[in-house]
Amino acid sequence: MNRIPAVLACALALTACGTAPTAQPAAAKATITNCGEAGEFPAPAQRLFVNDGNMIAMVLALGAQDRVAAVSSLQRDAPTLRAHYGAAVDALKQVAPEYPSKETVAAQNPDVVVAGWNYGYSEETGLTPGTLRAQGVAPYVLTESCRQVDGERARGVVDPWEALRTDLANLGTITATEPKADEVLADLDTRLAALRAAPRAATPPTVFLFDSASDTVYSSGRFGAPQAILDAAGARNALADLDDTWTAVSWERVAAADPAAFLFVDYPPQTFRQKVELLTSRPGIAELPAVKEGRFLNLPYALWTSSPLNIDAAEQVRAALEKWGLVPASSVKPRADDEVG
């Protein structure tokens, strides 16, 4: 048997020859402020776990899909995301059709989890930023969902457009796609400026955003993305006085608002037709002019929750308001048509 030369033997067992092994360089880190707290994130992340169509849209808009290990809650938004971001959607690994369990997340061995309060994070399921940190995983919280007071339910701490800009910039840093993030933000600002320059009605039409309903109606207050969308389109959010993001109000509140139009969030379990039937069959609501005249626009979930698709929603809402004669005609032309019939 041939003997191993002494030099090679040392190379195979450095400590035995009295030489310490070379230390591996530490992974790069970036300090990012998220929901008012500074935290360390891998820069770039190698194994993102992303929950929900709106946050998946952020990652796709940044061209960072190669850094995504797995996603959840994609299925209902897949057609919308595919229309905007193409085949990249089909290459994503979906491991849960709805919000994931903490075990499902852990099984993917992520280094960063992107989710939000009521967008995957929940004390009830045990999937929280705190539990992730305890496992050595960096949690990123959707800025729109930041809690106003730790442990309480009310969400929203900044203007919704600012929340979106913050997330795109932060995720650009985390995924090392800062140039693309700058490009996405510049496009957002250009299109937003065009909407704001469009002629406005002397009194902005009041619009009600209808998410779903039972004994109460789920909608969105001034910190939710719909507030930003409606304001940019030249309308007034019927719940602009509520200091929250997504929240429930009474049917009496809907009737008292007497909205000029109803806009719908298209996603299960209630269909668009079921929501319209609720409006047309309920006393005090069925008589509203908006209901009688069918001033309805149904757009997908990913356009209404905080995402780069909010600007597409704003352009499409503007076009609908003009069609209904609620705001003056303008030169704004929607880049996409996402209406669900």
Protein backbone atom coordinates (compact mmCIF):
# COMPACT_ATOMS: atom_id res chain seq x y z
CA MET A 1 0.00 0.00 0.00
CA ASN A 2 1.40 3.46 -0.90
CA ARG A 3 1.95 5.78 2.05
CA ILE A 4 0.47 9.32 2.05
CA PRO A 5 3.22 11.95 1.66
CA ALA A 6 3.85 13.96 4.82
CA VAL A 7 2.75 17.28 3.28
CA LEU A 8 -0.55 15.79 2.09
CA ALA A 9 -1.06 14.16 5.47
CA CYS A 10 -0.76 17.58 7.08
CA ALA A 11 -3.24 19.00 4.60
CA LEU A 12 -5.73 16.30 5.59
CA ALA A 13 -5.19 16.79 9.32
CA LEU A 14 -4.01 20.32 9.91
CA THR A 15 -4.53 20.33 13.65
CA ALA A 16 -2.45 17.19 14.03
CA CYS A 17 0.44 19.02 12.36
CA GLY A 18 0.08 21.99 14.70
CA THR A 19 -1.64 24.32 12.19
CA ALA A 20 -5.14 25.68 12.93
CA PRO A 21 -7.73 25.44 10.10
CA THR A 22 -8.51 28.64 8.23
CA ALA A 23 -11.70 30.25 9.59
CA GLN A 24 -14.57 30.63 7.12
CA PRO A 25 -15.65 34.25 6.53
CA ALA A 26 -18.79 35.20 8.44
CA ALA A 27 -21.94 35.60 6.38
CA ALA A 28 -22.68 39.20 5.48
CA LYS A 29 -25.38 40.92 7.54
CA ALA A 30 -27.45 44.05 7.06
CA THR A 31 -29.15 46.00 9.84
CA ILE A 32 -32.67 46.97 8.79
CA THR A 33 -35.35 48.87 10.68
CA ASN A 34 -38.65 47.00 10.52
CA CYS A 35 -41.74 48.09 12.47
CA GLY A 36 -39.59 50.58 14.37
CA GLU A 37 -37.01 48.01 15.52
CA ALA A 38 -33.52 47.43 14.13
CA GLY A 39 -32.75 43.83 13.25
CA GLU A 40 -30.02 41.87 11.50
CA PHE A 41 -30.77 40.10 8.24
CA PRO A 42 -28.60 37.98 5.94
CA ALA A 43 -27.47 40.11 3.01
CA PRO A 44 -28.25 38.51 0.77
CA ALA A 45 -30.71 35.96 2.07
CA GLN A 46 -30.34 32.52 0.54
CA ARG A 47 -33.58 30.81 1.62
CA LEU A 48 -36.56 33.14 1.86
CA PHE A 49 -39.92 31.82 3.01
CA VAL A 50 -42.64 34.20 1.74
CA ASN A 51 -46.30 34.09 2.73
CA ASP A 52 -49.23 35.60 0.83
CA GLY A 53 -49.70 36.88 -2.70
CA ASN A 54 -48.90 40.51 -1.95
CA MET A 55 -45.48 39.78 -0.44
CA ILE A 56 -44.76 37.21 -3.14
CA ALA A 57 -45.51 40.02 -5.63
CA MET A 58 -42.86 42.19 -3.93
CA VAL A 59 -40.21 39.50 -4.31
CA LEU A 60 -41.17 38.83 -7.94
CA ALA A 61 -41.16 42.55 -8.77
CA LEU A 62 -37.58 42.66 -7.46
CA GLY A 63 -36.58 39.68 -9.58
CA ALA A 64 -35.51 37.86 -6.41
CA GLN A 65 -37.36 34.58 -6.99
CA ASP A 66 -34.09 32.64 -7.06
CA ARG A 67 -33.63 33.45 -3.39
CA VAL A 68 -37.01 31.97 -2.44
CA ALA A 69 -36.95 28.49 -0.86
CA ALA A 70 -40.74 28.23 -0.50
CA VAL A 71 -43.99 30.18 -0.46
CA SER A 72 -47.45 29.77 1.01
CA SER A 73 -50.88 31.26 0.27
CA LEU A 74 -50.01 31.60 -3.41
CA GLN A 75 -52.75 29.57 -5.05
CA ARG A 76 -55.57 32.12 -5.12
CA ASP A 77 -53.26 34.83 -6.50
CA ALA A 78 -51.34 32.70 -9.00
CA PRO A 79 -53.32 33.84 -12.09
CA THR A 80 -52.91 37.52 -11.16
CA LEU A 81 -49.21 37.18 -10.40
CA ARG A 82 -48.66 35.16 -13.55
CA ALA A 83 -50.29 37.93 -15.61
CA HIS A 84 -47.88 40.48 -14.13
CA TYR A 85 -44.69 38.47 -13.57
CA GLY A 86 -44.87 35.57 -16.01
CA ALA A 87 -43.39 32.11 -15.65
CA ALA A 88 -41.44 32.98 -12.50
CA VAL A 89 -44.64 32.26 -10.56
CA ASP A 90 -44.76 28.62 -11.66
CA ALA A 91 -41.17 28.01 -10.56
CA LEU A 92 -41.99 28.84 -6.93
CA LYS A 93 -42.30 25.96 -4.46
CA GLN A 94 -45.64 26.23 -2.68
CA VAL A 95 -45.73 24.24 0.56
CA ALA A 96 -49.08 25.39 2.00
CA PRO A 97 -52.22 26.56 0.15
CA GLU A 98 -53.12 28.94 2.99
CA TYR A 99 -51.25 30.36 5.98
CA PRO A 100 -48.48 27.95 7.02
CA SER A 101 -47.89 26.28 10.36
CA LYS A 102 -44.66 26.93 12.21
CA GLU A 103 -43.67 23.32 11.46
CA THR A 104 -44.19 23.84 7.72
CA VAL A 105 -42.01 26.93 7.80
CA ALA A 106 -39.27 25.25 9.85
CA ALA A 107 -39.17 22.28 7.45
CA GLN A 108 -37.96 24.59 4.67
CA ASN A 109 -34.92 25.70 6.71
CA PRO A 110 -35.35 29.41 5.86
CA ASP A 111 -32.91 32.13 6.80
CA VAL A 112 -35.59 34.87 6.42
CA VAL A 113 -39.38 34.67 6.70
CA VAL A 114 -41.48 37.40 5.06
CA ALA A 115 -45.02 37.59 6.46
CA GLY A 116 -47.20 39.97 8.46
CA TRP A 117 -49.52 40.20 11.41
CA ASN A 118 -52.74 38.61 10.18
CA TYR A 119 -50.77 37.74 7.05
CA GLY A 120 -49.29 34.55 8.52
CA TYR A 121 -47.92 35.70 11.85
CA SER A 122 -50.20 34.78 14.73
CA GLU A 123 -49.86 33.99 18.43
CA GLU A 124 -52.58 31.36 18.00
CA THR A 125 -50.46 29.30 15.59
CA GLY A 126 -47.17 30.03 17.32
CA LEU A 127 -45.65 31.44 14.15
CA THR A 128 -44.42 34.86 15.29
CA PRO A 129 -41.32 37.00 14.84
CA GLY A 130 -40.28 36.02 18.37
CA THR A 131 -40.47 32.28 17.78
CA LEU A 132 -38.54 32.64 14.54
CA ARG A 133 -35.75 34.63 16.20
CA ALA A 134 -35.48 31.93 18.85
CA GLN A 135 -34.79 29.45 16.04
CA GLY A 136 -32.14 31.66 14.45
CA VAL A 137 -34.40 32.80 11.60
CA ALA A 138 -34.71 36.50 10.72
CA PRO A 139 -38.39 37.57 10.60
CA TYR A 140 -39.50 40.39 8.30
CA VAL A 141 -42.89 41.95 9.09
CA LEU A 142 -45.01 43.51 6.34
CA THR A 143 -44.93 47.22 7.23
CA GLU A 144 -48.64 47.70 6.54
CA SER A 145 -49.29 45.14 9.29
CA CYS A 146 -47.03 46.62 11.98
CA ARG A 147 -48.94 46.73 15.25
CA GLN A 148 -49.58 50.14 16.73
CA VAL A 149 -49.00 48.74 20.22
CA ASP A 150 -47.08 45.54 20.88
CA GLY A 151 -49.45 42.65 21.50
CA GLU A 152 -52.58 44.51 20.42
CA ARG A 153 -54.58 43.98 17.24
CA ALA A 154 -54.78 47.46 15.69
CA ARG A 155 -52.32 47.72 12.82
CA GLY A 156 -50.77 50.46 10.73
CA VAL A 157 -48.14 52.99 11.74
CA VAL A 158 -47.37 54.91 8.53
CA ASP A 159 -48.98 56.12 5.31
CA PRO A 160 -49.69 53.08 3.08
CA TRP A 161 -47.56 54.30 0.17
CA GLU A 162 -44.68 54.87 2.60
CA ALA A 163 -45.22 51.35 3.96
CA LEU A 164 -44.94 49.90 0.47
CA ARG A 165 -41.83 51.92 -0.39
CA THR A 166 -40.22 50.83 2.89
CA ASP A 167 -40.82 47.14 2.18
CA LEU A 168 -39.58 47.28 -1.40
CA ALA A 169 -36.39 49.06 -0.32
CA ASN A 170 -35.80 46.73 2.64
CA LEU A 171 -36.44 43.58 0.64
CA GLY A 172 -34.15 44.95 -2.05
CA THR A 173 -31.38 45.07 0.56
CA ILE A 174 -32.18 41.62 1.94
CA THR A 175 -32.15 40.03 -1.54
CA ALA A 176 -29.27 42.14 -2.95
CA THR A 177 -31.53 43.58 -5.65
CA GLU A 178 -31.21 47.26 -4.73
CA PRO A 179 -30.94 48.49 -8.37
CA LYS A 180 -34.15 46.68 -9.27
CA ALA A 181 -35.85 48.04 -6.14
CA ASP A 182 -34.86 51.56 -7.22
CA GLU A 183 -36.34 50.88 -10.67
CA VAL A 184 -39.63 49.59 -9.22
CA LEU A 185 -39.89 52.57 -6.87
CA ALA A 186 -39.18 55.04 -9.67
CA ASP A 187 -41.91 53.47 -11.81
CA LEU A 188 -44.31 53.61 -8.85
CA ASP A 189 -43.60 57.30 -8.27
CA THR A 190 -43.98 58.19 -11.97
CA ARG A 191 -47.37 56.51 -12.21
CA LEU A 192 -48.50 57.91 -8.87
CA ALA A 193 -47.56 61.43 -9.99
CA ALA A 194 -49.70 60.99 -13.12
CA LEU A 195 -52.69 59.95 -11.03
CA ARG A 196 -52.26 62.86 -8.65
CA ALA A 197 -52.03 65.29 -11.55
CA ALA A 198 -55.33 64.05 -13.01
CA PRO A 199 -58.29 66.42 -12.59
CA ARG A 200 -60.29 65.87 -9.41
CA ALA A 201 -63.97 66.11 -8.65
CA ALA A 202 -64.94 69.16 -6.58
CA THR A 203 -66.08 66.71 -3.91
CA PRO A 204 -64.29 63.35 -4.08
CA PRO A 205 -66.77 60.48 -4.44
CA THR A 206 -67.02 58.26 -1.38
CA VAL A 207 -66.20 54.63 -2.12
CA PHE A 208 -66.67 51.56 0.06
CA LEU A 209 -64.14 48.74 -0.13
CA PHE A 210 -66.04 45.47 0.41
CA ASP A 211 -63.85 42.57 1.51
CA SER A 212 -66.41 40.12 2.88
CA ALA A 213 -69.47 40.20 5.11
CA SER A 214 -71.70 38.38 7.56
CA ASP A 215 -73.22 40.20 10.54
CA THR A 216 -70.57 42.84 9.95
CA VAL A 217 -68.65 44.00 6.89
CA TYR A 218 -64.89 43.60 6.63
CA SER A 219 -63.17 46.58 5.03
CA SER A 220 -60.13 48.80 5.45
CA GLY A 221 -59.29 51.97 7.35
CA ARG A 222 -56.78 54.73 6.74
CA PHE A 223 -53.63 52.64 7.27
CA GLY A 224 -54.54 49.92 4.78
CA ALA A 225 -53.40 49.82 1.17
CA PRO A 226 -56.95 50.59 -0.08
CA GLN A 227 -56.69 54.05 1.49
CA ALA A 228 -53.66 54.81 -0.68
CA ILE A 229 -55.30 53.33 -3.78
CA LEU A 230 -58.56 55.27 -3.41
CA ASP A 231 -56.84 58.55 -2.60
CA ALA A 232 -54.56 58.24 -5.64
CA ALA A 233 -57.57 57.47 -7.85
CA GLY A 234 -59.38 60.62 -6.70
CA ALA A 235 -61.90 59.00 -4.35
CA ARG A 236 -62.54 59.10 -0.61
CA ASN A 237 -62.35 55.95 1.47
CA ALA A 238 -65.63 55.56 3.39
CA LEU A 239 -63.58 54.40 6.42
CA ALA A 240 -60.79 56.97 6.22
CA ASP A 241 -61.51 57.99 9.82
CA LEU A 242 -60.64 54.55 11.25
CA ASP A 243 -57.08 54.26 12.57
CA ASP A 244 -56.53 50.67 11.48
CA THR A 245 -55.71 48.64 8.38
CA TRP A 246 -58.25 45.84 7.84
CA THR A 247 -61.23 45.93 10.19
CA ALA A 248 -64.95 45.19 10.52
CA VAL A 249 -67.81 47.70 10.68
CA SER A 250 -71.58 47.46 10.99
CA TRP A 251 -74.01 47.36 8.08
CA GLU A 252 -75.44 50.58 9.48
CA ARG A 253 -72.05 52.19 8.93
CA VAL A 254 -72.15 51.07 5.29
CA ALA A 255 -75.63 52.52 4.76
CA ALA A 256 -74.73 55.81 6.45
CA ALA A 257 -71.69 56.22 4.17
CA ASP A 258 -74.00 56.13 1.11
CA PRO A 259 -71.02 55.30 -1.13
CA ALA A 260 -71.02 56.28 -4.78
CA ALA A 261 -69.50 52.90 -5.66
CA PHE A 262 -68.52 49.56 -4.14
CA LEU A 263 -65.13 48.02 -4.81
CA PHE A 264 -64.59 44.34 -4.00
CA VAL A 265 -61.67 42.19 -2.90
CA ASP A 266 -61.88 39.02 -4.96
CA TYR A 267 -60.93 35.98 -2.90
CA PRO A 268 -62.59 33.06 -1.11
CA PRO A 269 -64.68 32.07 0.69
CA GLN A 270 -67.30 34.54 -0.64
CA THR A 271 -67.63 34.93 -4.38
CA PHE A 272 -68.26 38.24 -6.11
CA ARG A 273 -71.81 37.11 -6.89
CA GLN A 274 -72.48 36.24 -3.24
CA LYS A 275 -71.23 39.65 -2.14
CA VAL A 276 -73.44 41.42 -4.65
CA GLU A 277 -76.40 39.34 -3.46
CA LEU A 278 -75.72 40.46 0.10
CA LEU A 279 -75.88 44.10 -1.03
CA THR A 280 -78.96 43.72 -3.23
CA SER A 281 -80.97 41.79 -0.65
CA ARG A 282 -80.27 43.78 2.50
CA PRO A 283 -82.81 46.48 3.53
CA GLY A 284 -81.20 49.91 3.72
CA ILE A 285 -78.39 48.82 1.41
CA ALA A 286 -80.31 47.61 -1.65
CA GLU A 287 -81.81 51.09 -2.07
CA LEU A 288 -78.43 52.85 -2.34
CA PRO A 289 -77.89 54.35 -5.83
CA ALA A 290 -74.52 52.60 -6.16
CA VAL A 291 -76.23 49.23 -5.67
CA LYS A 292 -79.21 50.01 -7.91
CA GLU A 293 -76.92 51.20 -10.71
CA GLY A 294 -74.41 48.38 -10.27
CA ARG A 295 -71.36 50.56 -9.73
CA PHE A 296 -69.13 47.62 -8.78
CA LEU A 297 -65.47 46.82 -9.48
CA ASN A 298 -64.01 43.46 -8.43
CA LEU A 299 -60.20 43.25 -8.24
CA PRO A 300 -57.95 40.44 -6.93
CA TYR A 301 -56.65 40.25 -3.37
CA ALA A 302 -53.04 40.89 -4.38
CA LEU A 303 -54.01 44.32 -5.76
CA TRP A 304 -55.69 45.47 -2.53
CA THR A 305 -53.16 44.27 0.04
CA SER A 306 -49.88 46.13 0.28
CA SER A 307 -47.88 45.26 -2.85
CA PRO A 308 -46.36 46.82 -5.99
CA LEU A 309 -49.67 45.98 -7.68
CA ASN A 310 -51.38 48.74 -5.66
CA ILE A 311 -50.50 51.22 -8.40
CA ASP A 312 -52.24 48.99 -10.95
CA ALA A 313 -55.30 48.96 -8.69
CA ALA A 314 -55.24 52.76 -8.43
CA GLU A 315 -55.14 53.15 -12.22
CA GLN A 316 -58.01 50.71 -12.67
CA VAL A 317 -60.11 52.35 -9.96
CA ARG A 318 -59.51 55.72 -11.62
CA ALA A 319 -60.72 54.33 -14.95
CA ALA A 320 -63.87 52.94 -13.31
CA LEU A 321 -64.62 56.24 -11.58
CA GLU A 322 -64.31 58.04 -14.91
CA LYS A 323 -66.57 55.47 -16.62
CA TRP A 324 -69.21 56.05 -13.94
CA GLY A 325 -68.89 59.85 -14.30
CA LEU A 326 -67.76 60.29 -10.71
CA VAL A 327 -64.50 62.07 -11.58
CA PRO A 328 -63.45 64.07 -14.68
CA ALA A 329 -61.91 62.34 -17.68
CA SER A 330 -58.12 62.16 -17.64
CA SER A 331 -55.18 60.87 -19.68
CA VAL A 332 -54.48 58.08 -17.17
CA LYS A 333 -54.57 54.69 -18.88
CA PRO A 334 -54.31 51.51 -16.77
CA ARG A 335 -51.32 49.40 -17.63
CA ALA A 336 -53.25 46.22 -16.78
CA ASP A 337 -56.79 44.89 -16.65
CA ASP A 338 -57.24 42.70 -13.58
CA GLU A 339 -61.00 42.93 -13.16
CA VAL A 340 -62.61 39.65 -12.16
CA GLY A 341 -66.07 39.27 -13.69
